[in-house]
Amino acid sequence: MTLAKYLKDTGRSQAEFGSTLSPPVSQGQVSQWILGRTRITLAYALQIESETQGRVPPQDSAAMYIGPDK
């Protein structure tokens, strides 16, 4: 499952979700992850997996990255 789908399904905002991570990240950072513009580090991918009760595994976090706009 993608992080975007998880947030939509659970009604959580990007800002609220980012604030649950350690260290916290901004809404803008969560948006950049969802848009595939920045990579999610392994540390954050593991936290996302835990925070989503396994619904967004690290593999799905890694698959979101598409690279910077050309």
N, C-alpha and C. Protein backbone atom coordinates (compact mmCIF):
# COMPACT_ATOMS: atom_id res chain seq x y z
N MET A 1 0.85 -1.17 0.00
CA MET A 1 0.00 0.00 0.00
C MET A 1 0.89 1.23 0.00
N THR A 2 0.49 2.25 -0.73
CA THR A 2 1.26 3.49 -0.72
C THR A 2 0.94 4.31 0.52
N LEU A 3 1.85 5.19 0.85
CA LEU A 3 1.61 6.08 1.99
C LEU A 3 0.42 6.99 1.70
N ALA A 4 0.29 7.46 0.48
CA ALA A 4 -0.85 8.33 0.12
C ALA A 4 -2.17 7.60 0.35
N LYS A 5 -2.25 6.34 -0.07
CA LYS A 5 -3.49 5.58 0.11
C LYS A 5 -3.75 5.35 1.59
N TYR A 6 -2.72 5.05 2.34
CA TYR A 6 -2.89 4.85 3.78
C TYR A 6 -3.45 6.12 4.43
N LEU A 7 -2.87 7.26 4.11
CA LEU A 7 -3.34 8.51 4.71
C LEU A 7 -4.78 8.79 4.32
N LYS A 8 -5.12 8.55 3.07
CA LYS A 8 -6.50 8.77 2.62
C LYS A 8 -7.46 7.82 3.34
N ASP A 9 -7.09 6.55 3.39
CA ASP A 9 -7.96 5.54 4.02
C ASP A 9 -8.19 5.81 5.51
N THR A 10 -7.17 6.36 6.17
CA THR A 10 -7.27 6.59 7.61
C THR A 10 -7.68 8.02 7.96
N GLY A 11 -7.76 8.89 6.97
CA GLY A 11 -8.15 10.27 7.22
C GLY A 11 -7.09 11.09 7.93
N ARG A 12 -5.87 10.64 7.89
CA ARG A 12 -4.78 11.37 8.55
C ARG A 12 -4.18 12.37 7.58
N SER A 13 -3.76 13.51 8.10
CA SER A 13 -3.11 14.51 7.27
C SER A 13 -1.62 14.21 7.16
N GLN A 14 -1.00 14.76 6.12
CA GLN A 14 0.44 14.60 5.96
C GLN A 14 1.18 15.23 7.14
N ALA A 15 0.71 16.38 7.59
CA ALA A 15 1.36 17.08 8.71
C ALA A 15 1.28 16.26 9.99
N GLU A 16 0.10 15.72 10.26
CA GLU A 16 -0.08 14.92 11.48
C GLU A 16 0.79 13.68 11.42
N PHE A 17 0.82 13.02 10.27
CA PHE A 17 1.62 11.81 10.15
C PHE A 17 3.10 12.12 10.33
N GLY A 18 3.57 13.18 9.67
CA GLY A 18 4.98 13.55 9.79
C GLY A 18 5.38 13.85 11.22
N SER A 19 4.45 14.40 12.00
CA SER A 19 4.76 14.75 13.39
C SER A 19 4.92 13.52 14.28
N THR A 20 4.46 12.36 13.82
CA THR A 20 4.58 11.15 14.63
C THR A 20 5.94 10.46 14.46
N LEU A 21 6.71 10.89 13.46
CA LEU A 21 8.00 10.27 13.19
C LEU A 21 9.07 10.89 14.08
N SER A 22 10.20 10.20 14.22
CA SER A 22 11.27 10.69 15.08
C SER A 22 12.60 10.67 14.32
N PRO A 23 13.22 11.81 14.06
CA PRO A 23 12.69 13.13 14.34
C PRO A 23 11.51 13.44 13.43
N PRO A 24 10.63 14.34 13.89
CA PRO A 24 9.46 14.68 13.09
C PRO A 24 9.86 15.29 11.75
N VAL A 25 9.00 15.10 10.75
CA VAL A 25 9.21 15.73 9.44
C VAL A 25 8.01 16.62 9.14
N SER A 26 8.23 17.59 8.27
CA SER A 26 7.18 18.54 7.92
C SER A 26 6.17 17.93 6.96
N GLN A 27 5.04 18.60 6.82
CA GLN A 27 4.04 18.20 5.82
C GLN A 27 4.68 18.22 4.45
N GLY A 28 5.52 19.23 4.19
CA GLY A 28 6.19 19.34 2.90
C GLY A 28 7.07 18.14 2.59
N GLN A 29 7.76 17.63 3.61
CA GLN A 29 8.61 16.46 3.40
C GLN A 29 7.77 15.23 3.08
N VAL A 30 6.68 15.04 3.80
CA VAL A 30 5.80 13.90 3.51
C VAL A 30 5.26 14.03 2.09
N SER A 31 4.89 15.23 1.69
CA SER A 31 4.42 15.46 0.33
C SER A 31 5.49 15.10 -0.70
N GLN A 32 6.73 15.50 -0.44
CA GLN A 32 7.83 15.18 -1.36
C GLN A 32 8.01 13.66 -1.49
N TRP A 33 7.86 12.95 -0.39
CA TRP A 33 7.94 11.49 -0.45
C TRP A 33 6.82 10.93 -1.32
N ILE A 34 5.60 11.41 -1.07
CA ILE A 34 4.44 10.89 -1.79
C ILE A 34 4.54 11.19 -3.28
N LEU A 35 5.05 12.37 -3.62
CA LEU A 35 5.21 12.75 -5.02
C LEU A 35 6.39 12.05 -5.68
N GLY A 36 7.22 11.36 -4.89
CA GLY A 36 8.36 10.63 -5.44
C GLY A 36 9.57 11.50 -5.71
N ARG A 37 9.60 12.70 -5.15
CA ARG A 37 10.69 13.63 -5.42
C ARG A 37 11.90 13.44 -4.51
N THR A 38 11.68 12.90 -3.32
CA THR A 38 12.80 12.60 -2.43
C THR A 38 12.65 11.18 -1.91
N ARG A 39 13.79 10.58 -1.61
CA ARG A 39 13.79 9.22 -1.11
C ARG A 39 13.48 9.18 0.38
N ILE A 40 12.88 8.11 0.78
CA ILE A 40 12.64 7.87 2.19
C ILE A 40 13.82 7.05 2.71
N THR A 41 14.46 7.51 3.75
CA THR A 41 15.57 6.75 4.31
C THR A 41 15.06 5.45 4.91
N LEU A 42 15.96 4.51 5.07
CA LEU A 42 15.57 3.23 5.67
C LEU A 42 15.02 3.44 7.08
N ALA A 43 15.63 4.35 7.84
CA ALA A 43 15.15 4.61 9.20
C ALA A 43 13.70 5.09 9.18
N TYR A 44 13.38 6.01 8.28
CA TYR A 44 12.00 6.48 8.19
C TYR A 44 11.08 5.40 7.61
N ALA A 45 11.56 4.62 6.65
CA ALA A 45 10.74 3.56 6.08
C ALA A 45 10.33 2.55 7.16
N LEU A 46 11.25 2.25 8.05
CA LEU A 46 10.93 1.32 9.14
C LEU A 46 9.93 1.95 10.13
N GLN A 47 10.08 3.24 10.39
CA GLN A 47 9.12 3.93 11.25
C GLN A 47 7.73 3.99 10.60
N ILE A 48 7.71 4.24 9.29
CA ILE A 48 6.43 4.28 8.57
C ILE A 48 5.76 2.92 8.65
N GLU A 49 6.53 1.86 8.48
CA GLU A 49 5.97 0.52 8.59
C GLU A 49 5.35 0.31 9.98
N SER A 50 6.07 0.72 11.00
CA SER A 50 5.56 0.57 12.36
C SER A 50 4.34 1.44 12.61
N GLU A 51 4.40 2.69 12.20
CA GLU A 51 3.30 3.64 12.42
C GLU A 51 2.02 3.21 11.69
N THR A 52 2.19 2.52 10.55
CA THR A 52 1.02 2.09 9.77
C THR A 52 0.64 0.64 10.07
N GLN A 53 1.18 0.07 11.14
CA GLN A 53 0.92 -1.32 11.52
C GLN A 53 1.19 -2.29 10.36
N GLY A 54 2.27 -2.02 9.62
CA GLY A 54 2.70 -2.90 8.54
C GLY A 54 1.98 -2.71 7.22
N ARG A 55 1.06 -1.78 7.16
CA ARG A 55 0.30 -1.58 5.90
C ARG A 55 1.14 -0.91 4.82
N VAL A 56 2.19 -0.17 5.21
CA VAL A 56 3.11 0.44 4.24
C VAL A 56 4.50 -0.09 4.55
N PRO A 57 4.87 -1.23 3.96
CA PRO A 57 6.17 -1.83 4.23
C PRO A 57 7.30 -1.03 3.56
N PRO A 58 8.55 -1.23 4.01
CA PRO A 58 9.68 -0.50 3.43
C PRO A 58 9.78 -0.62 1.91
N GLN A 59 9.40 -1.76 1.36
CA GLN A 59 9.46 -1.93 -0.09
C GLN A 59 8.55 -0.92 -0.80
N ASP A 60 7.38 -0.69 -0.23
CA ASP A 60 6.45 0.27 -0.82
C ASP A 60 6.97 1.69 -0.66
N SER A 61 7.63 1.98 0.45
CA SER A 61 8.23 3.30 0.64
C SER A 61 9.33 3.54 -0.40
N ALA A 62 10.16 2.54 -0.64
CA ALA A 62 11.25 2.66 -1.61
C ALA A 62 10.70 2.83 -3.03
N ALA A 63 9.60 2.17 -3.32
CA ALA A 63 9.03 2.21 -4.67
C ALA A 63 8.42 3.57 -5.02
N MET A 64 8.19 4.43 -4.03
CA MET A 64 7.58 5.73 -4.30
C MET A 64 8.56 6.68 -5.00
N TYR A 65 9.86 6.48 -4.83
CA TYR A 65 10.84 7.42 -5.36
C TYR A 65 10.92 7.33 -6.88
N ILE A 66 10.71 8.45 -7.55
CA ILE A 66 10.84 8.48 -9.02
C ILE A 66 11.96 9.43 -9.45
N GLY A 67 12.50 10.19 -8.53
CA GLY A 67 13.61 11.09 -8.84
C GLY A 67 13.15 12.51 -9.03
N PRO A 68 14.13 13.42 -9.14
CA PRO A 68 13.79 14.83 -9.31
C PRO A 68 13.21 15.09 -10.70
N ASP A 69 12.43 16.16 -10.76
CA ASP A 69 11.88 16.57 -12.06
C ASP A 69 13.02 16.97 -12.98
N LYS A 70 12.90 16.60 -14.20
CA LYS A 70 13.94 16.93 -15.18
C LYS A 70 13.69 18.31 -15.76
